[in-house]
Amino acid sequence: MIALLTWDMDHGPNISFTSGVVLIALVGNFLIGLPTSLLAFYYLRKDEQISMRKLWFLANAIASIIVFALTGIGGLFVTIFYGIPIFIAANAFAIAGWFIVIKPARARA
């Protein structure tokens, strides 16, 4: 992303601009990861048969809701531009949550 945004610059990437882009990416991950993890925790906390497939399905359902909301707010361009990263982030959080939270909790129980 930084390479694409700084492609036309003469002296390479600017540190302040790059840090701003990194901050935007972190805030975007937080805005996608927080609802994904909170909703997954809320819906799956009492389910003793949690599977990776169920968690993956829930993360994609949450990402779909976010993308549909973005479609209504911003139109087709926003959906295409942000839709793919939203699905990638939601699936990354689901997989990380599986290996970092749920699987170790099962091993302790």
PDB file of N, CA and C in Angstrom:
ATOM      1  N   MET A   1       0.821  -1.183   0.000  1.00  0.00           N
ATOM      2  CA  MET A   1       0.000   0.000   0.000  1.00  0.00           C
ATOM      3  C   MET A   1       0.865   1.246   0.000  1.00  0.00           C
ATOM      4  N   ILE A   2       1.916   1.232   0.791  1.00  0.00           N
ATOM      5  CA  ILE A   2       2.809   2.381   0.845  1.00  0.00           C
ATOM      6  C   ILE A   2       3.485   2.586  -0.501  1.00  0.00           C
ATOM      7  N   ALA A   3       3.874   1.490  -1.149  1.00  0.00           N
ATOM      8  CA  ALA A   3       4.516   1.610  -2.454  1.00  0.00           C
ATOM      9  C   ALA A   3       3.561   2.218  -3.471  1.00  0.00           C
ATOM     10  N   LEU A   4       2.297   1.854  -3.423  1.00  0.00           N
ATOM     11  CA  LEU A   4       1.331   2.422  -4.366  1.00  0.00           C
ATOM     12  C   LEU A   4       1.069   3.893  -4.086  1.00  0.00           C
ATOM     13  N   LEU A   5       0.985   4.255  -2.823  1.00  0.00           N
ATOM     14  CA  LEU A   5       0.694   5.644  -2.481  1.00  0.00           C
ATOM     15  C   LEU A   5       1.876   6.570  -2.713  1.00  0.00           C
ATOM     16  N   THR A   6       3.086   6.059  -2.674  1.00  0.00           N
ATOM     17  CA  THR A   6       4.278   6.895  -2.852  1.00  0.00           C
ATOM     18  C   THR A   6       4.941   6.673  -4.203  1.00  0.00           C
ATOM     19  N   TRP A   7       4.241   6.095  -5.131  1.00  0.00           N
ATOM     20  CA  TRP A   7       4.820   5.766  -6.440  1.00  0.00           C
ATOM     21  C   TRP A   7       5.304   6.999  -7.183  1.00  0.00           C
ATOM     22  N   ASP A   8       4.556   8.100  -7.133  1.00  0.00           N
ATOM     23  CA  ASP A   8       4.903   9.302  -7.893  1.00  0.00           C
ATOM     24  C   ASP A   8       5.801  10.269  -7.135  1.00  0.00           C
ATOM     25  N   MET A   9       6.212   9.944  -5.947  1.00  0.00           N
ATOM     26  CA  MET A   9       7.081  10.833  -5.179  1.00  0.00           C
ATOM     27  C   MET A   9       8.507  10.733  -5.681  1.00  0.00           C
ATOM     28  N   ASP A  10       9.214  11.849  -5.605  1.00  0.00           N
ATOM     29  CA  ASP A  10      10.567  11.898  -6.131  1.00  0.00           C
ATOM     30  C   ASP A  10      11.598  11.267  -5.207  1.00  0.00           C
ATOM     31  N   HIS A  11      11.485  11.483  -3.911  1.00  0.00           N
ATOM     32  CA  HIS A  11      12.524  11.069  -2.980  1.00  0.00           C
ATOM     33  C   HIS A  11      12.162   9.837  -2.173  1.00  0.00           C
ATOM     34  N   GLY A  12      11.205   9.074  -2.596  1.00  0.00           N
ATOM     35  CA  GLY A  12      10.819   7.872  -1.866  1.00  0.00           C
ATOM     36  C   GLY A  12       9.766   8.177  -0.818  1.00  0.00           C
ATOM     37  N   PRO A  13       9.463   7.192  -0.006  1.00  0.00           N
ATOM     38  CA  PRO A  13       8.406   7.351   0.993  1.00  0.00           C
ATOM     39  C   PRO A  13       8.757   8.386   2.056  1.00  0.00           C
ATOM     40  N   ASN A  14       7.814   9.203   2.403  1.00  0.00           N
ATOM     41  CA  ASN A  14       7.950  10.177   3.463  1.00  0.00           C
ATOM     42  C   ASN A  14       7.564   9.504   4.785  1.00  0.00           C
ATOM     43  N   ILE A  15       8.370   9.672   5.811  1.00  0.00           N
ATOM     44  CA  ILE A  15       8.144   8.984   7.083  1.00  0.00           C
ATOM     45  C   ILE A  15       6.822   9.414   7.719  1.00  0.00           C
ATOM     46  N   SER A  16       6.518  10.706   7.721  1.00  0.00           N
ATOM     47  CA  SER A  16       5.272  11.150   8.352  1.00  0.00           C
ATOM     48  C   SER A  16       4.058  10.653   7.566  1.00  0.00           C
ATOM     49  N   PHE A  17       4.155  10.660   6.260  1.00  0.00           N
ATOM     50  CA  PHE A  17       3.055  10.147   5.438  1.00  0.00           C
ATOM     51  C   PHE A  17       2.896   8.650   5.655  1.00  0.00           C
ATOM     52  N   THR A  18       4.004   7.932   5.709  1.00  0.00           N
ATOM     53  CA  THR A  18       3.968   6.488   5.915  1.00  0.00           C
ATOM     54  C   THR A  18       3.386   6.142   7.275  1.00  0.00           C
ATOM     55  N   SER A  19       3.765   6.878   8.305  1.00  0.00           N
ATOM     56  CA  SER A  19       3.211   6.599   9.632  1.00  0.00           C
ATOM     57  C   SER A  19       1.717   6.900   9.670  1.00  0.00           C
ATOM     58  N   GLY A  20       1.270   7.893   8.923  1.00  0.00           N
ATOM     59  CA  GLY A  20      -0.163   8.170   8.834  1.00  0.00           C
ATOM     60  C   GLY A  20      -0.915   7.035   8.167  1.00  0.00           C
ATOM     61  N   VAL A  21      -0.315   6.457   7.127  1.00  0.00           N
ATOM     62  CA  VAL A  21      -0.941   5.328   6.439  1.00  0.00           C
ATOM     63  C   VAL A  21      -0.993   4.113   7.355  1.00  0.00           C
ATOM     64  N   VAL A  22       0.068   3.873   8.112  1.00  0.00           N
ATOM     65  CA  VAL A  22       0.087   2.755   9.062  1.00  0.00           C
ATOM     66  C   VAL A  22      -0.969   2.968  10.138  1.00  0.00           C
ATOM     67  N   LEU A  23      -1.128   4.195  10.622  1.00  0.00           N
ATOM     68  CA  LEU A  23      -2.154   4.488  11.621  1.00  0.00           C
ATOM     69  C   LEU A  23      -3.550   4.231  11.063  1.00  0.00           C
ATOM     70  N   ILE A  24      -3.790   4.620   9.821  1.00  0.00           N
ATOM     71  CA  ILE A  24      -5.086   4.365   9.196  1.00  0.00           C
ATOM     72  C   ILE A  24      -5.327   2.857   9.087  1.00  0.00           C
ATOM     73  N   ALA A  25      -4.289   2.098   8.733  1.00  0.00           N
ATOM     74  CA  ALA A  25      -4.440   0.645   8.629  1.00  0.00           C
ATOM     75  C   ALA A  25      -4.741   0.017   9.989  1.00  0.00           C
ATOM     76  N   LEU A  26      -4.077   0.486  11.041  1.00  0.00           N
ATOM     77  CA  LEU A  26      -4.330  -0.049  12.377  1.00  0.00           C
ATOM     78  C   LEU A  26      -5.741   0.289  12.860  1.00  0.00           C
ATOM     79  N   VAL A  27      -6.192   1.495  12.602  1.00  0.00           N
ATOM     80  CA  VAL A  27      -7.556   1.869  12.986  1.00  0.00           C
ATOM     81  C   VAL A  27      -8.563   1.046  12.195  1.00  0.00           C
ATOM     82  N   GLY A  28      -8.297   0.824  10.914  1.00  0.00           N
ATOM     83  CA  GLY A  28      -9.185  -0.008  10.103  1.00  0.00           C
ATOM     84  C   GLY A  28      -9.254  -1.436  10.622  1.00  0.00           C
ATOM     85  N   ASN A  29      -8.117  -2.002  10.987  1.00  0.00           N
ATOM     86  CA  ASN A  29      -8.112  -3.348  11.564  1.00  0.00           C
ATOM     87  C   ASN A  29      -8.866  -3.386  12.885  1.00  0.00           C
ATOM     88  N   PHE A  30      -8.724  -2.349  13.686  1.00  0.00           N
ATOM     89  CA  PHE A  30      -9.456  -2.282  14.950  1.00  0.00           C
ATOM     90  C   PHE A  30     -10.959  -2.208  14.706  1.00  0.00           C
ATOM     91  N   LEU A  31     -11.372  -1.399  13.725  1.00  0.00           N
ATOM     92  CA  LEU A  31     -12.798  -1.244  13.452  1.00  0.00           C
ATOM     93  C   LEU A  31     -13.416  -2.505  12.869  1.00  0.00           C
ATOM     94  N   ILE A  32     -12.617  -3.339  12.239  1.00  0.00           N
ATOM     95  CA  ILE A  32     -13.127  -4.599  11.704  1.00  0.00           C
ATOM     96  C   ILE A  32     -12.941  -5.723  12.722  1.00  0.00           C
ATOM     97  N   GLY A  33     -11.802  -5.766  13.371  1.00  0.00           N
ATOM     98  CA  GLY A  33     -11.506  -6.850  14.308  1.00  0.00           C
ATOM     99  C   GLY A  33     -12.309  -6.797  15.583  1.00  0.00           C
ATOM    100  N   LEU A  34     -12.596  -5.606  16.089  1.00  0.00           N
ATOM    101  CA  LEU A  34     -13.341  -5.502  17.340  1.00  0.00           C
ATOM    102  C   LEU A  34     -14.766  -6.034  17.208  1.00  0.00           C
ATOM    103  N   PRO A  35     -15.554  -5.603  16.194  1.00  0.00           N
ATOM    104  CA  PRO A  35     -16.888  -6.205  16.091  1.00  0.00           C
ATOM    105  C   PRO A  35     -16.845  -7.695  15.801  1.00  0.00           C
ATOM    106  N   THR A  36     -15.868  -8.118  15.006  1.00  0.00           N
ATOM    107  CA  THR A  36     -15.755  -9.540  14.704  1.00  0.00           C
ATOM    108  C   THR A  36     -15.494 -10.337  15.970  1.00  0.00           C
ATOM    109  N   SER A  37     -14.543  -9.907  16.770  1.00  0.00           N
ATOM    110  CA  SER A  37     -14.211 -10.665  17.976  1.00  0.00           C
ATOM    111  C   SER A  37     -15.306 -10.564  19.036  1.00  0.00           C
ATOM    112  N   LEU A  38     -15.925  -9.396  19.199  1.00  0.00           N
ATOM    113  CA  LEU A  38     -16.981  -9.263  20.194  1.00  0.00           C
ATOM    114  C   LEU A  38     -18.221 -10.070  19.829  1.00  0.00           C
ATOM    115  N   LEU A  39     -18.629 -10.020  18.574  1.00  0.00           N
ATOM    116  CA  LEU A  39     -19.788 -10.795  18.166  1.00  0.00           C
ATOM    117  C   LEU A  39     -19.504 -12.294  18.206  1.00  0.00           C
ATOM    118  N   ALA A  40     -18.301 -12.678  17.810  1.00  0.00           N
ATOM    119  CA  ALA A  40     -17.952 -14.098  17.892  1.00  0.00           C
ATOM    120  C   ALA A  40     -17.946 -14.562  19.347  1.00  0.00           C
ATOM    121  N   PHE A  41     -17.408 -13.756  20.244  1.00  0.00           N
ATOM    122  CA  PHE A  41     -17.407 -14.121  21.660  1.00  0.00           C
ATOM    123  C   PHE A  41     -18.826 -14.192  22.204  1.00  0.00           C
ATOM    124  N   TYR A  42     -19.670 -13.229  21.814  1.00  0.00           N
ATOM    125  CA  TYR A  42     -21.047 -13.200  22.314  1.00  0.00           C
ATOM    126  C   TYR A  42     -21.843 -14.414  21.839  1.00  0.00           C
ATOM    127  N   TYR A  43     -21.712 -14.768  20.568  1.00  0.00           N
ATOM    128  CA  TYR A  43     -22.514 -15.866  20.031  1.00  0.00           C
ATOM    129  C   TYR A  43     -21.932 -17.246  20.329  1.00  0.00           C
ATOM    130  N   LEU A  44     -20.643 -17.335  20.545  1.00  0.00           N
ATOM    131  CA  LEU A  44     -20.028 -18.649  20.710  1.00  0.00           C
ATOM    132  C   LEU A  44     -19.548 -18.931  22.131  1.00  0.00           C
ATOM    133  N   ARG A  45     -19.817 -18.039  23.080  1.00  0.00           N
ATOM    134  CA  ARG A  45     -19.249 -18.226  24.426  1.00  0.00           C
ATOM    135  C   ARG A  45     -19.799 -19.439  25.153  1.00  0.00           C
ATOM    136  N   LYS A  46     -21.063 -19.784  24.937  1.00  0.00           N
ATOM    137  CA  LYS A  46     -21.650 -20.920  25.643  1.00  0.00           C
ATOM    138  C   LYS A  46     -21.707 -22.175  24.790  1.00  0.00           C
ATOM    139  N   ASP A  47     -21.254 -22.065  23.569  1.00  0.00           N
ATOM    140  CA  ASP A  47     -21.262 -23.219  22.666  1.00  0.00           C
ATOM    141  C   ASP A  47     -20.034 -24.076  22.939  1.00  0.00           C
ATOM    142  N   GLU A  48     -20.248 -25.300  23.359  1.00  0.00           N
ATOM    143  CA  GLU A  48     -19.126 -26.182  23.672  1.00  0.00           C
ATOM    144  C   GLU A  48     -18.599 -26.904  22.439  1.00  0.00           C
ATOM    145  N   GLN A  49     -19.340 -26.889  21.364  1.00  0.00           N
ATOM    146  CA  GLN A  49     -18.921 -27.540  20.124  1.00  0.00           C
ATOM    147  C   GLN A  49     -18.464 -26.512  19.094  1.00  0.00           C
ATOM    148  N   ILE A  50     -17.658 -25.567  19.542  1.00  0.00           N
ATOM    149  CA  ILE A  50     -17.159 -24.547  18.633  1.00  0.00           C
ATOM    150  C   ILE A  50     -16.195 -25.200  17.655  1.00  0.00           C
ATOM    151  N   SER A  51     -16.434 -24.986  16.386  1.00  0.00           N
ATOM    152  CA  SER A  51     -15.532 -25.511  15.380  1.00  0.00           C
ATOM    153  C   SER A  51     -14.940 -24.348  14.594  1.00  0.00           C
ATOM    154  N   MET A  52     -13.851 -24.639  13.929  1.00  0.00           N
ATOM    155  CA  MET A  52     -13.218 -23.626  13.088  1.00  0.00           C
ATOM    156  C   MET A  52     -14.171 -23.186  11.988  1.00  0.00           C
ATOM    157  N   ARG A  53     -14.947 -24.100  11.466  1.00  0.00           N
ATOM    158  CA  ARG A  53     -15.898 -23.776  10.407  1.00  0.00           C
ATOM    159  C   ARG A  53     -16.964 -22.805  10.895  1.00  0.00           C
ATOM    160  N   LYS A  54     -17.467 -23.008  12.108  1.00  0.00           N
ATOM    161  CA  LYS A  54     -18.486 -22.125  12.662  1.00  0.00           C
ATOM    162  C   LYS A  54     -17.914 -20.727  12.905  1.00  0.00           C
ATOM    163  N   LEU A  55     -16.712 -20.661  13.428  1.00  0.00           N
ATOM    164  CA  LEU A  55     -16.069 -19.374  13.664  1.00  0.00           C
ATOM    165  C   LEU A  55     -15.781 -18.658  12.353  1.00  0.00           C
ATOM    166  N   TRP A  56     -15.332 -19.395  11.358  1.00  0.00           N
ATOM    167  CA  TRP A  56     -15.050 -18.824  10.044  1.00  0.00           C
ATOM    168  C   TRP A  56     -16.330 -18.309   9.392  1.00  0.00           C
ATOM    169  N   PHE A  57     -17.410 -19.063   9.503  1.00  0.00           N
ATOM    170  CA  PHE A  57     -18.696 -18.649   8.951  1.00  0.00           C
ATOM    171  C   PHE A  57     -19.192 -17.374   9.631  1.00  0.00           C
ATOM    172  N   LEU A  58     -19.073 -17.297  10.951  1.00  0.00           N
ATOM    173  CA  LEU A  58     -19.511 -16.124  11.678  1.00  0.00           C
ATOM    174  C   LEU A  58     -18.688 -14.895  11.293  1.00  0.00           C
ATOM    175  N   ALA A  59     -17.372 -15.060  11.154  1.00  0.00           N
ATOM    176  CA  ALA A  59     -16.519 -13.936  10.758  1.00  0.00           C
ATOM    177  C   ALA A  59     -16.888 -13.433   9.364  1.00  0.00           C
ATOM    178  N   ASN A  60     -17.174 -14.341   8.439  1.00  0.00           N
ATOM    179  CA  ASN A  60     -17.571 -13.919   7.100  1.00  0.00           C
ATOM    180  C   ASN A  60     -18.959 -13.292   7.090  1.00  0.00           C
ATOM    181  N   ALA A  61     -19.849 -13.748   7.958  1.00  0.00           N
ATOM    182  CA  ALA A  61     -21.170 -13.126   8.058  1.00  0.00           C
ATOM    183  C   ALA A  61     -21.049 -11.700   8.578  1.00  0.00           C
ATOM    184  N   ILE A  62     -20.204 -11.491   9.572  1.00  0.00           N
ATOM    185  CA  ILE A  62     -19.988 -10.145  10.106  1.00  0.00           C
ATOM    186  C   ILE A  62     -19.349  -9.257   9.049  1.00  0.00           C
ATOM    187  N   ALA A  63     -18.366  -9.779   8.321  1.00  0.00           N
ATOM    188  CA  ALA A  63     -17.737  -9.003   7.254  1.00  0.00           C
ATOM    189  C   ALA A  63     -18.742  -8.657   6.165  1.00  0.00           C
ATOM    190  N   SER A  64     -19.641  -9.572   5.850  1.00  0.00           N
ATOM    191  CA  SER A  64     -20.674  -9.296   4.852  1.00  0.00           C
ATOM    192  C   SER A  64     -21.591  -8.167   5.293  1.00  0.00           C
ATOM    193  N   ILE A  65     -21.958  -8.149   6.561  1.00  0.00           N
ATOM    194  CA  ILE A  65     -22.806  -7.079   7.075  1.00  0.00           C
ATOM    195  C   ILE A  65     -22.088  -5.735   6.979  1.00  0.00           C
ATOM    196  N   ILE A  66     -20.807  -5.708   7.323  1.00  0.00           N
ATOM    197  CA  ILE A  66     -20.041  -4.467   7.224  1.00  0.00           C
ATOM    198  C   ILE A  66     -19.950  -4.011   5.773  1.00  0.00           C
ATOM    199  N   VAL A  67     -19.710  -4.936   4.846  1.00  0.00           N
ATOM    200  CA  VAL A  67     -19.606  -4.579   3.429  1.00  0.00           C
ATOM    201  C   VAL A  67     -20.950  -4.104   2.892  1.00  0.00           C
ATOM    202  N   PHE A  68     -22.048  -4.734   3.282  1.00  0.00           N
ATOM    203  CA  PHE A  68     -23.363  -4.270   2.838  1.00  0.00           C
ATOM    204  C   PHE A  68     -23.654  -2.870   3.368  1.00  0.00           C
ATOM    205  N   ALA A  69     -23.248  -2.598   4.599  1.00  0.00           N
ATOM    206  CA  ALA A  69     -23.427  -1.249   5.141  1.00  0.00           C
ATOM    207  C   ALA A  69     -22.589  -0.238   4.361  1.00  0.00           C
ATOM    208  N   LEU A  70     -21.367  -0.616   4.011  1.00  0.00           N
ATOM    209  CA  LEU A  70     -20.523   0.272   3.208  1.00  0.00           C
ATOM    210  C   LEU A  70     -21.095   0.493   1.822  1.00  0.00           C
ATOM    211  N   THR A  71     -21.746  -0.508   1.264  1.00  0.00           N
ATOM    212  CA  THR A  71     -22.369  -0.351  -0.042  1.00  0.00           C
ATOM    213  C   THR A  71     -23.466   0.702   0.022  1.00  0.00           C
ATOM    214  N   GLY A  72     -24.245   0.674   1.061  1.00  0.00           N
ATOM    215  CA  GLY A  72     -25.295   1.677   1.214  1.00  0.00           C
ATOM    216  C   GLY A  72     -24.755   3.064   1.469  1.00  0.00           C
ATOM    217  N   ILE A  73     -23.631   3.148   2.154  1.00  0.00           N
ATOM    218  CA  ILE A  73     -23.061   4.449   2.491  1.00  0.00           C
ATOM    219  C   ILE A  73     -22.260   5.027   1.332  1.00  0.00           C
ATOM    220  N   GLY A  74     -21.391   4.203   0.729  1.00  0.00           N
ATOM    221  CA  GLY A  74     -20.435   4.743  -0.225  1.00  0.00           C
ATOM    222  C   GLY A  74     -20.597   4.317  -1.655  1.00  0.00           C
ATOM    223  N   GLY A  75     -21.396   3.323  -1.925  1.00  0.00           N
ATOM    224  CA  GLY A  75     -21.580   2.901  -3.298  1.00  0.00           C
ATOM    225  C   GLY A  75     -20.652   1.771  -3.700  1.00  0.00           C
ATOM    226  N   LEU A  76     -20.617   1.526  -4.986  1.00  0.00           N
ATOM    227  CA  LEU A  76     -19.881   0.378  -5.524  1.00  0.00           C
ATOM    228  C   LEU A  76     -18.371   0.526  -5.368  1.00  0.00           C
ATOM    229  N   PHE A  77     -17.832   1.725  -5.569  1.00  0.00           N
ATOM    230  CA  PHE A  77     -16.385   1.897  -5.458  1.00  0.00           C
ATOM    231  C   PHE A  77     -15.893   1.577  -4.053  1.00  0.00           C
ATOM    232  N   VAL A  78     -16.604   2.066  -3.055  1.00  0.00           N
ATOM    233  CA  VAL A  78     -16.222   1.800  -1.660  1.00  0.00           C
ATOM    234  C   VAL A  78     -16.319   0.307  -1.360  1.00  0.00           C
ATOM    235  N   THR A  79     -17.335  -0.334  -1.913  1.00  0.00           N
ATOM    236  CA  THR A  79     -17.500  -1.772  -1.701  1.00  0.00           C
ATOM    237  C   THR A  79     -16.332  -2.552  -2.283  1.00  0.00           C
ATOM    238  N   ILE A  80     -15.927  -2.219  -3.480  1.00  0.00           N
ATOM    239  CA  ILE A  80     -14.811  -2.928  -4.114  1.00  0.00           C
ATOM    240  C   ILE A  80     -13.496  -2.586  -3.431  1.00  0.00           C
ATOM    241  N   PHE A  81     -13.288  -1.298  -3.113  1.00  0.00           N
ATOM    242  CA  PHE A  81     -12.010  -0.856  -2.552  1.00  0.00           C
ATOM    243  C   PHE A  81     -11.787  -1.370  -1.132  1.00  0.00           C
ATOM    244  N   TYR A  82     -12.844  -1.410  -0.319  1.00  0.00           N
ATOM    245  CA  TYR A  82     -12.711  -1.834   1.072  1.00  0.00           C
ATOM    246  C   TYR A  82     -13.218  -3.245   1.340  1.00  0.00           C
ATOM    247  N   GLY A  83     -13.978  -3.811   0.436  1.00  0.00           N
ATOM    248  CA  GLY A  83     -14.584  -5.117   0.674  1.00  0.00           C
ATOM    249  C   GLY A  83     -13.587  -6.241   0.826  1.00  0.00           C
ATOM    250  N   ILE A  84     -12.642  -6.307  -0.087  1.00  0.00           N
ATOM    251  CA  ILE A  84     -11.642  -7.382  -0.032  1.00  0.00           C
ATOM    252  C   ILE A  84     -10.785  -7.285   1.228  1.00  0.00           C
ATOM    253  N   PRO A  85     -10.245  -6.105   1.581  1.00  0.00           N
ATOM    254  CA  PRO A  85      -9.488  -6.036   2.840  1.00  0.00           C
ATOM    255  C   PRO A  85     -10.325  -6.342   4.078  1.00  0.00           C
ATOM    256  N   ILE A  86     -11.614  -6.018   4.057  1.00  0.00           N
ATOM    257  CA  ILE A  86     -12.469  -6.331   5.199  1.00  0.00           C
ATOM    258  C   ILE A  86     -12.592  -7.836   5.366  1.00  0.00           C
ATOM    259  N   PHE A  87     -12.799  -8.564   4.271  1.00  0.00           N
ATOM    260  CA  PHE A  87     -12.891 -10.020   4.364  1.00  0.00           C
ATOM    261  C   PHE A  87     -11.555 -10.643   4.782  1.00  0.00           C
ATOM    262  N   ILE A  88     -10.463 -10.103   4.278  1.00  0.00           N
ATOM    263  CA  ILE A  88      -9.144 -10.622   4.672  1.00  0.00           C
ATOM    264  C   ILE A  88      -8.919 -10.392   6.171  1.00  0.00           C
ATOM    265  N   ALA A  89      -9.237  -9.190   6.660  1.00  0.00           N
ATOM    266  CA  ALA A  89      -9.038  -8.898   8.084  1.00  0.00           C
ATOM    267  C   ALA A  89      -9.958  -9.733   8.966  1.00  0.00           C
ATOM    268  N   ALA A  90     -11.202  -9.895   8.574  1.00  0.00           N
ATOM    269  CA  ALA A  90     -12.135 -10.689   9.383  1.00  0.00           C
ATOM    270  C   ALA A  90     -11.685 -12.143   9.463  1.00  0.00           C
ATOM    271  N   ASN A  91     -11.250 -12.699   8.344  1.00  0.00           N
ATOM    272  CA  ASN A  91     -10.766 -14.079   8.361  1.00  0.00           C
ATOM    273  C   ASN A  91      -9.462 -14.210   9.136  1.00  0.00           C
ATOM    274  N   ALA A  92      -8.599 -13.214   9.048  1.00  0.00           N
ATOM    275  CA  ALA A  92      -7.356 -13.248   9.819  1.00  0.00           C
ATOM    276  C   ALA A  92      -7.648 -13.217  11.315  1.00  0.00           C
ATOM    277  N   PHE A  93      -8.610 -12.379  11.726  1.00  0.00           N
ATOM    278  CA  PHE A  93      -8.973 -12.340  13.139  1.00  0.00           C
ATOM    279  C   PHE A  93      -9.640 -13.633  13.579  1.00  0.00           C
ATOM    280  N   ALA A  94     -10.425 -14.236  12.722  1.00  0.00           N
ATOM    281  CA  ALA A  94     -11.066 -15.509  13.086  1.00  0.00           C
ATOM    282  C   ALA A  94     -10.029 -16.604  13.265  1.00  0.00           C
ATOM    283  N   ILE A  95      -9.088 -16.694  12.349  1.00  0.00           N
ATOM    284  CA  ILE A  95      -8.047 -17.727  12.447  1.00  0.00           C
ATOM    285  C   ILE A  95      -7.150 -17.469  13.657  1.00  0.00           C
ATOM    286  N   ALA A  96      -6.772 -16.214  13.864  1.00  0.00           N
ATOM    287  CA  ALA A  96      -5.942 -15.894  15.028  1.00  0.00           C
ATOM    288  C   ALA A  96      -6.696 -16.170  16.324  1.00  0.00           C
ATOM    289  N   GLY A  97      -7.979 -15.839  16.360  1.00  0.00           N
ATOM    290  CA  GLY A  97      -8.777 -16.114  17.557  1.00  0.00           C
ATOM    291  C   GLY A  97      -8.896 -17.599  17.832  1.00  0.00           C
ATOM    292  N   TRP A  98      -8.962 -18.387  16.771  1.00  0.00           N
ATOM    293  CA  TRP A  98      -9.044 -19.833  16.939  1.00  0.00           C
ATOM    294  C   TRP A  98      -7.768 -20.377  17.577  1.00  0.00           C
ATOM    295  N   PHE A  99      -6.621 -19.972  17.033  1.00  0.00           N
ATOM    296  CA  PHE A  99      -5.360 -20.526  17.511  1.00  0.00           C
ATOM    297  C   PHE A  99      -4.851 -19.878  18.790  1.00  0.00           C
ATOM    298  N   ILE A 100      -5.239 -18.638  19.069  1.00  0.00           N
ATOM    299  CA  ILE A 100      -4.730 -17.942  20.245  1.00  0.00           C
ATOM    300  C   ILE A 100      -5.672 -18.053  21.432  1.00  0.00           C
ATOM    301  N   VAL A 101      -6.997 -18.078  21.196  1.00  0.00           N
ATOM    302  CA  VAL A 101      -7.960 -18.053  22.296  1.00  0.00           C
ATOM    303  C   VAL A 101      -8.661 -19.383  22.498  1.00  0.00           C
ATOM    304  N   ILE A 102      -9.325 -19.865  21.469  1.00  0.00           N
ATOM    305  CA  ILE A 102     -10.229 -21.004  21.646  1.00  0.00           C
ATOM    306  C   ILE A 102      -9.468 -22.313  21.820  1.00  0.00           C
ATOM    307  N   LYS A 103      -8.487 -22.573  20.982  1.00  0.00           N
ATOM    308  CA  LYS A 103      -7.757 -23.842  21.081  1.00  0.00           C
ATOM    309  C   LYS A 103      -7.007 -23.980  22.416  1.00  0.00           C
ATOM    310  N   PRO A 104      -6.290 -22.952  22.898  1.00  0.00           N
ATOM    311  CA  PRO A 104      -5.659 -23.079  24.219  1.00  0.00           C
ATOM    312  C   PRO A 104      -6.677 -23.209  25.357  1.00  0.00           C
ATOM    313  N   ALA A 105      -7.848 -22.557  25.225  1.00  0.00           N
ATOM    314  CA  ALA A 105      -8.874 -22.684  26.273  1.00  0.00           C
ATOM    315  C   ALA A 105      -9.406 -24.107  26.326  1.00  0.00           C
ATOM    316  N   ARG A 106      -9.523 -24.748  25.173  1.00  0.00           N
ATOM    317  CA  ARG A 106      -9.953 -26.156  25.152  1.00  0.00           C
ATOM    318  C   ARG A 106      -8.906 -27.072  25.771  1.00  0.00           C
ATOM    319  N   ALA A 107      -7.653 -26.758  25.543  1.00  0.00           N
ATOM    320  CA  ALA A 107      -6.585 -27.594  26.104  1.00  0.00           C
ATOM    321  C   ALA A 107      -6.542 -27.508  27.625  1.00  0.00           C
ATOM    322  N   ARG A 108      -6.878 -26.335  28.164  1.00  0.00           N
ATOM    323  CA  ARG A 108      -6.886 -26.161  29.621  1.00  0.00           C
ATOM    324  C   ARG A 108      -8.089 -26.819  30.269  1.00  0.00           C
ATOM    325  N   ALA A 109      -9.182 -26.925  29.533  1.00  0.00           N
ATOM    326  CA  ALA A 109     -10.416 -27.463  30.125  1.00  0.00           C
ATOM    327  C   ALA A 109     -10.438 -28.961  30.203  1.00  0.00           C
TER     328      ALA A 109
END
